[in-house]
Amino acid sequence: MELKQLRCFVQAAEQGSLLRAAEQLNLSQPTLSRQIQALEQALNARLFQRTGRGVALTEAGRRALGHAKAVLENASRLRQETGQHKNTLGGRLSFGLPPSVGVRLTAPLVERFRALYPNVSLRLVEDLSGTIQEGLLNDTIDLGILYEVAAVSGVQTCFLGTEDLHLVCDQEHALASRDSVRFDEVVELPLILPGLRHGLRALVQQYAFREGLTVRTDLEVDSLRVQVDLVRRGLGVTLLPGVTLSVLCNVECLVAIPVVQPSLQRSCVLAWRRGRVLTPAADAMAQLIQAAFNDNSQDAALSGSGDLAVIRSK
């Protein structure tokens, strides 16, 4: 049972509508519904019943409402009395993430965090997964986003979400008109990929091993910008999430094609050193990151508003 679940429950009870409650909490309705469902599972009780005008509390919901309000009031009082209200939250926070995530997440995330916690001093590290992992282990980075395949036993993780990888090529490439491309075809292409310390490279190697294939890497490039530039110049192809390509500049001539048989998916996780207690600032950042990944209504904000490349997501 979590406070955010209780907030969703109380707001829905007061509004009598999941849609209005979601608007009040700045959430999508599916996200709010999932929070309430999780609370119902924790309590082993149905809290709402649908009506023609919205939702109404069940008998169990009416009994739970007073307790939920009391818990939220006590939590608010605890924050105030311990000086961890958002206006007084301070300290330093070092946060790391890979470039393919950072290109679409960093700016809106920092903007939101600074608006809520202006007294926290932020240090941002956008680097390869291996570098971020090392920073977590030696305490130079407090909190980071990793790809699950790259995470090691020394870090504790929290699942954020999955994303599909696409083959990215020049629009003049022989495969550019295809609706999809098989993975056994991908590994035969001149791939431009990061080095072995990067989560993406490890993931591709893992898929290839499962399929009994060998990855052909013509160029190892640890810079996302350079990878995309080389692809744009027709020197090879790469693998990226379609949404990452859509927010990069000068990629109008590139095409993202879904990979199939198998489809390539990677899981993003929030990570910190195992055994380390997160500071209030790190905990606040973690909550914002989880909200950004969980709330479907944030997709447009996190993917930017610039010109889109040619993206095929069939």
Protein backbone atom coordinates (compact mmCIF):
# COMPACT_ATOMS: atom_id res chain seq x y z
CA MET A 1 0.00 0.00 0.00
CA GLU A 2 1.43 3.37 -1.04
CA LEU A 3 0.54 6.99 -0.38
CA LYS A 4 -0.03 7.71 -4.08
CA GLN A 5 -2.64 4.92 -4.13
CA LEU A 6 -4.42 6.50 -1.18
CA ARG A 7 -4.32 9.94 -2.86
CA CYS A 8 -5.93 8.52 -5.98
CA PHE A 9 -8.59 6.74 -3.94
CA VAL A 10 -9.50 9.82 -1.87
CA GLN A 11 -9.63 12.10 -4.89
CA ALA A 12 -11.84 9.66 -6.85
CA ALA A 13 -14.17 9.33 -3.84
CA GLU A 14 -14.46 13.11 -3.49
CA GLN A 15 -14.95 13.73 -7.20
CA GLY A 16 -17.24 10.78 -7.87
CA SER A 17 -15.48 10.44 -11.23
CA LEU A 18 -12.21 8.79 -12.26
CA LEU A 19 -11.76 11.28 -15.09
CA ARG A 20 -12.16 14.36 -12.87
CA ALA A 21 -9.95 12.80 -10.19
CA ALA A 22 -7.24 12.12 -12.77
CA GLU A 23 -7.42 15.73 -13.97
CA GLN A 24 -7.09 17.01 -10.41
CA LEU A 25 -4.00 14.86 -9.82
CA ASN A 26 -2.49 15.60 -13.25
CA LEU A 27 -2.58 11.91 -14.19
CA SER A 28 -4.05 9.96 -17.07
CA GLN A 29 -7.22 8.04 -16.24
CA PRO A 30 -5.56 4.63 -16.90
CA THR A 31 -2.77 5.50 -14.46
CA LEU A 32 -5.25 6.51 -11.76
CA SER A 33 -7.28 3.34 -12.37
CA ARG A 34 -4.16 1.19 -11.97
CA GLN A 35 -3.35 2.86 -8.65
CA ILE A 36 -6.85 2.22 -7.33
CA GLN A 37 -6.77 -1.39 -8.55
CA ALA A 38 -3.45 -1.90 -6.76
CA LEU A 39 -4.98 -0.52 -3.54
CA GLU A 40 -8.01 -2.79 -3.90
CA GLN A 41 -5.69 -5.77 -4.28
CA ALA A 42 -3.71 -4.74 -1.20
CA LEU A 43 -6.92 -4.38 0.83
CA ASN A 44 -8.61 -7.39 -0.80
CA ALA A 45 -11.76 -5.32 -1.20
CA ARG A 46 -13.73 -3.58 -3.95
CA LEU A 47 -13.73 0.16 -3.20
CA PHE A 48 -15.90 1.56 -6.02
CA GLN A 49 -18.84 0.57 -8.11
CA ARG A 50 -19.64 2.21 -11.43
CA THR A 51 -22.76 4.32 -11.83
CA GLY A 52 -24.33 6.11 -14.76
CA ARG A 53 -22.58 9.33 -13.74
CA GLY A 54 -19.22 7.99 -12.60
CA VAL A 55 -18.24 5.94 -9.56
CA ALA A 56 -19.62 5.51 -6.05
CA LEU A 57 -18.06 4.04 -2.94
CA THR A 58 -18.92 0.53 -1.91
CA GLU A 59 -19.50 -0.26 1.76
CA ALA A 60 -15.84 -1.26 2.05
CA GLY A 61 -14.85 1.97 0.29
CA ARG A 62 -16.83 4.08 2.75
CA ARG A 63 -15.08 2.37 5.65
CA ALA A 64 -11.67 2.85 4.04
CA LEU A 65 -12.12 6.53 3.15
CA GLY A 66 -11.74 7.93 6.65
CA HIS A 67 -8.68 5.84 7.34
CA ALA A 68 -7.10 6.87 4.03
CA LYS A 69 -7.62 10.56 4.76
CA ALA A 70 -6.10 10.13 8.21
CA VAL A 71 -3.02 8.42 6.78
CA LEU A 72 -2.52 11.20 4.20
CA GLU A 73 -2.94 13.89 6.85
CA ASN A 74 -0.41 12.20 9.12
CA ALA A 75 2.04 11.82 6.22
CA SER A 76 1.72 15.51 5.39
CA ARG A 77 2.26 16.46 9.02
CA LEU A 78 5.32 14.20 9.19
CA ARG A 79 6.86 15.87 6.13
CA GLN A 80 6.28 19.31 7.58
CA GLU A 81 7.63 18.44 11.02
CA THR A 82 10.78 16.82 9.64
CA GLY A 83 11.48 19.75 7.34
CA GLN A 84 11.18 17.75 4.12
CA HIS A 85 8.40 19.77 2.53
CA LYS A 86 9.13 20.51 -1.10
CA ASN A 87 9.91 24.16 -0.42
CA THR A 88 12.61 23.27 2.13
CA LEU A 89 14.03 20.13 0.51
CA GLY A 90 17.72 20.76 -0.12
CA GLY A 91 21.08 19.05 -0.49
CA ARG A 92 22.84 17.69 -3.55
CA LEU A 93 21.76 15.03 -6.02
CA SER A 94 23.80 13.34 -8.74
CA PHE A 95 21.64 11.64 -11.35
CA GLY A 96 22.81 9.59 -14.36
CA LEU A 97 21.12 8.21 -17.46
CA PRO A 98 22.07 6.86 -20.91
CA PRO A 99 21.97 9.25 -23.90
CA SER A 100 19.17 7.37 -25.68
CA VAL A 101 16.92 7.99 -22.66
CA GLY A 102 18.34 11.38 -21.74
CA VAL A 103 17.68 12.89 -25.15
CA ARG A 104 13.93 12.71 -24.50
CA LEU A 105 13.72 12.69 -20.68
CA THR A 106 16.35 15.01 -19.22
CA ALA A 107 14.97 18.45 -20.07
CA PRO A 108 11.32 17.94 -19.00
CA LEU A 109 12.42 15.98 -15.92
CA VAL A 110 14.85 18.64 -14.73
CA GLU A 111 12.33 21.39 -15.46
CA ARG A 112 9.73 19.64 -13.31
CA PHE A 113 12.19 18.82 -10.52
CA ARG A 114 13.53 22.39 -10.35
CA ALA A 115 10.01 23.77 -10.16
CA LEU A 116 9.20 21.52 -7.20
CA TYR A 117 12.57 21.49 -5.42
CA PRO A 118 14.49 24.68 -6.26
CA ASN A 119 16.88 24.31 -3.29
CA VAL A 120 18.36 21.00 -4.46
CA SER A 121 21.69 21.25 -6.28
CA LEU A 122 21.61 18.90 -9.28
CA ARG A 123 24.49 17.18 -11.10
CA LEU A 124 23.49 15.39 -14.30
CA VAL A 125 25.59 12.65 -15.88
CA GLU A 126 24.62 11.50 -19.38
CA ASP A 127 26.92 8.60 -20.25
CA LEU A 128 27.13 4.93 -21.15
CA SER A 129 25.36 2.40 -18.96
CA GLY A 130 28.67 0.98 -17.73
CA THR A 131 29.89 4.39 -16.61
CA ILE A 132 26.64 5.12 -14.79
CA GLN A 133 26.77 1.74 -13.09
CA GLU A 134 30.32 2.39 -11.92
CA GLY A 135 29.23 5.76 -10.55
CA LEU A 136 26.44 4.11 -8.59
CA LEU A 137 28.81 1.54 -7.12
CA ASN A 138 31.41 4.10 -6.03
CA ASP A 139 28.81 6.61 -4.79
CA THR A 140 29.65 9.38 -7.28
CA ILE A 141 26.13 8.96 -8.71
CA ASP A 142 23.17 8.73 -6.32
CA LEU A 143 20.48 7.54 -8.70
CA GLY A 144 20.47 6.38 -12.30
CA ILE A 145 18.55 4.81 -15.14
CA LEU A 146 20.03 1.60 -16.55
CA TYR A 147 19.00 -1.08 -18.97
CA GLU A 148 18.11 -4.23 -17.06
CA VAL A 149 20.55 -6.39 -18.99
CA ALA A 150 23.41 -4.16 -17.77
CA ALA A 151 22.48 -4.13 -14.09
CA VAL A 152 24.74 -6.10 -11.71
CA SER A 153 24.26 -7.54 -8.24
CA GLY A 154 25.76 -4.48 -6.56
CA VAL A 155 22.84 -2.26 -7.49
CA GLN A 156 19.21 -2.34 -6.45
CA THR A 157 16.69 -1.74 -9.21
CA CYS A 158 13.08 -0.78 -9.72
CA PHE A 159 11.40 -1.61 -13.05
CA LEU A 160 10.34 1.42 -15.11
CA GLY A 161 9.16 0.10 -18.47
CA THR A 162 10.09 -1.51 -21.77
CA GLU A 163 10.76 -0.07 -25.21
CA ASP A 164 10.99 -1.63 -28.67
CA LEU A 165 14.19 -1.25 -30.66
CA HIS A 166 14.02 -0.35 -34.35
CA LEU A 167 16.50 -0.67 -37.16
CA VAL A 168 17.54 2.87 -38.11
CA CYS A 169 18.81 3.43 -41.65
CA ASP A 170 19.01 6.07 -44.34
CA GLN A 171 15.81 6.48 -46.35
CA GLU A 172 17.73 5.45 -49.48
CA HIS A 173 18.73 2.12 -47.90
CA ALA A 174 17.47 -1.05 -49.59
CA LEU A 175 15.39 -1.91 -46.48
CA ALA A 176 13.90 1.57 -45.99
CA SER A 177 10.56 0.69 -47.60
CA ARG A 178 10.04 -2.43 -45.51
CA ASP A 179 7.35 -2.58 -42.80
CA SER A 180 9.60 -4.80 -40.67
CA VAL A 181 12.96 -6.54 -40.76
CA ARG A 182 13.92 -9.91 -39.25
CA PHE A 183 16.65 -10.02 -36.61
CA ASP A 184 18.69 -12.54 -38.61
CA GLU A 185 18.75 -9.95 -41.41
CA VAL A 186 19.80 -7.20 -38.99
CA VAL A 187 22.92 -9.01 -37.77
CA GLU A 188 24.16 -9.36 -41.35
CA LEU A 189 24.08 -5.59 -41.89
CA PRO A 190 27.01 -3.20 -41.23
CA LEU A 191 25.96 -2.25 -37.70
CA ILE A 192 27.11 0.90 -35.92
CA LEU A 193 26.84 0.12 -32.21
CA PRO A 194 28.40 1.27 -28.94
CA GLY A 195 31.10 -0.74 -27.18
CA LEU A 196 30.57 -3.80 -25.02
CA ARG A 197 30.20 -1.73 -21.82
CA HIS A 198 26.99 -0.21 -23.16
CA GLY A 199 23.63 -1.79 -22.30
CA LEU A 200 22.42 -1.68 -25.91
CA ARG A 201 25.40 -3.66 -27.20
CA ALA A 202 25.03 -6.22 -24.41
CA LEU A 203 21.34 -6.61 -25.23
CA VAL A 204 21.96 -7.17 -28.95
CA GLN A 205 24.66 -9.72 -28.16
CA GLN A 206 22.27 -11.48 -25.78
CA TYR A 207 19.53 -11.73 -28.43
CA ALA A 208 22.05 -13.00 -30.98
CA PHE A 209 23.32 -15.68 -28.59
CA ARG A 210 19.78 -16.92 -27.97
CA GLU A 211 19.14 -17.16 -31.70
CA GLY A 212 22.50 -18.78 -32.48
CA LEU A 213 23.63 -15.77 -34.51
CA THR A 214 26.77 -13.66 -34.67
CA VAL A 215 26.59 -9.86 -34.59
CA ARG A 216 28.52 -8.03 -37.28
CA THR A 217 29.70 -4.69 -35.87
CA ASP A 218 31.49 -2.60 -38.47
CA LEU A 219 31.89 0.49 -36.28
CA GLU A 220 31.97 0.83 -32.49
CA VAL A 221 30.86 4.33 -31.54
CA ASP A 222 30.11 5.36 -27.96
CA SER A 223 28.42 8.63 -28.93
CA LEU A 224 24.72 8.60 -29.82
CA ARG A 225 25.08 11.77 -31.88
CA VAL A 226 27.95 10.30 -33.90
CA GLN A 227 26.13 6.99 -34.40
CA VAL A 228 23.15 8.77 -35.91
CA ASP A 229 25.34 11.07 -38.01
CA LEU A 230 27.20 8.10 -39.50
CA VAL A 231 23.92 6.38 -40.33
CA ARG A 232 22.68 9.60 -41.91
CA ARG A 233 25.78 9.57 -44.14
CA GLY A 234 25.01 6.04 -45.27
CA LEU A 235 27.96 4.38 -43.51
CA GLY A 236 25.88 1.73 -41.76
CA VAL A 237 22.75 1.14 -39.68
CA THR A 238 22.03 1.14 -35.96
CA LEU A 239 19.39 0.09 -33.44
CA LEU A 240 17.42 2.63 -31.39
CA PRO A 241 13.97 3.12 -29.88
CA GLY A 242 11.79 4.92 -32.42
CA VAL A 243 10.91 7.61 -29.89
CA THR A 244 14.60 8.41 -29.37
CA LEU A 245 15.09 9.02 -33.08
CA SER A 246 12.01 11.24 -33.19
CA VAL A 247 13.50 13.84 -30.83
CA LEU A 248 16.95 14.05 -32.41
CA CYS A 249 17.80 16.90 -34.77
CA ASN A 250 18.61 16.57 -38.47
CA VAL A 251 17.21 13.05 -38.85
CA GLU A 252 14.51 13.77 -41.42
CA CYS A 253 16.31 11.48 -43.89
CA LEU A 254 16.29 8.48 -41.53
CA VAL A 255 13.78 5.65 -41.19
CA ALA A 256 13.02 3.48 -38.13
CA ILE A 257 11.82 -0.04 -38.98
CA PRO A 258 10.47 -2.50 -36.38
CA VAL A 259 12.63 -5.59 -35.81
CA VAL A 260 10.78 -8.93 -35.69
CA GLN A 261 11.43 -12.65 -35.19
CA PRO A 262 12.19 -11.86 -32.46
CA SER A 263 11.16 -8.31 -31.68
CA LEU A 264 13.87 -6.51 -29.74
CA GLN A 265 12.80 -5.08 -26.40
CA ARG A 266 14.80 -3.64 -23.55
CA SER A 267 13.72 -2.88 -20.02
CA CYS A 268 14.64 0.33 -18.26
CA VAL A 269 15.22 0.25 -14.51
CA LEU A 270 15.80 2.86 -11.85
CA ALA A 271 18.99 1.95 -9.97
CA TRP A 272 20.97 2.86 -6.86
CA ARG A 273 23.71 1.12 -4.89
CA ARG A 274 22.43 -1.85 -2.95
CA GLY A 275 22.24 -1.09 0.77
CA ARG A 276 22.24 2.66 0.25
CA VAL A 277 19.36 4.62 1.76
CA LEU A 278 18.10 7.20 -0.72
CA THR A 279 18.22 10.81 0.43
CA PRO A 280 14.96 12.79 0.40
CA ALA A 281 16.14 14.54 -2.79
CA ALA A 282 16.91 11.20 -4.50
CA ASP A 283 13.57 9.80 -3.38
CA ALA A 284 11.79 12.85 -4.81
CA MET A 285 13.58 12.41 -8.14
CA ALA A 286 12.75 8.70 -8.17
CA GLN A 287 9.05 9.47 -7.78
CA LEU A 288 9.13 11.91 -10.70
CA ILE A 289 10.93 9.40 -12.91
CA GLN A 290 8.44 6.65 -12.09
CA ALA A 291 5.55 9.00 -12.81
CA ALA A 292 7.07 9.95 -16.17
CA PHE A 293 7.40 6.29 -17.21
CA ASN A 294 4.05 5.17 -15.80
CA ASP A 295 1.82 7.98 -16.98
CA ASN A 296 0.87 7.56 -20.62
CA SER A 297 -0.20 11.20 -20.76
CA GLN A 298 3.44 12.22 -20.32
CA ASP A 299 4.52 10.60 -23.61
CA ALA A 300 4.15 13.75 -25.68
CA ALA A 301 5.97 15.88 -23.13
CA LEU A 302 8.84 13.41 -22.87
CA SER A 303 9.21 12.91 -26.62
CA GLY A 304 9.55 16.59 -27.47
CA SER A 305 7.69 18.69 -29.98
CA GLY A 306 10.24 19.05 -32.78
CA ASP A 307 9.94 17.76 -36.33
CA LEU A 308 9.57 14.00 -36.40
CA ALA A 309 11.65 11.68 -38.50
CA VAL A 310 9.99 9.07 -40.67
CA ILE A 311 8.90 6.51 -38.07
CA ARG A 312 7.27 3.19 -38.85
CA SER A 313 5.77 1.45 -35.81
CA LYS A 314 3.63 -1.28 -37.27
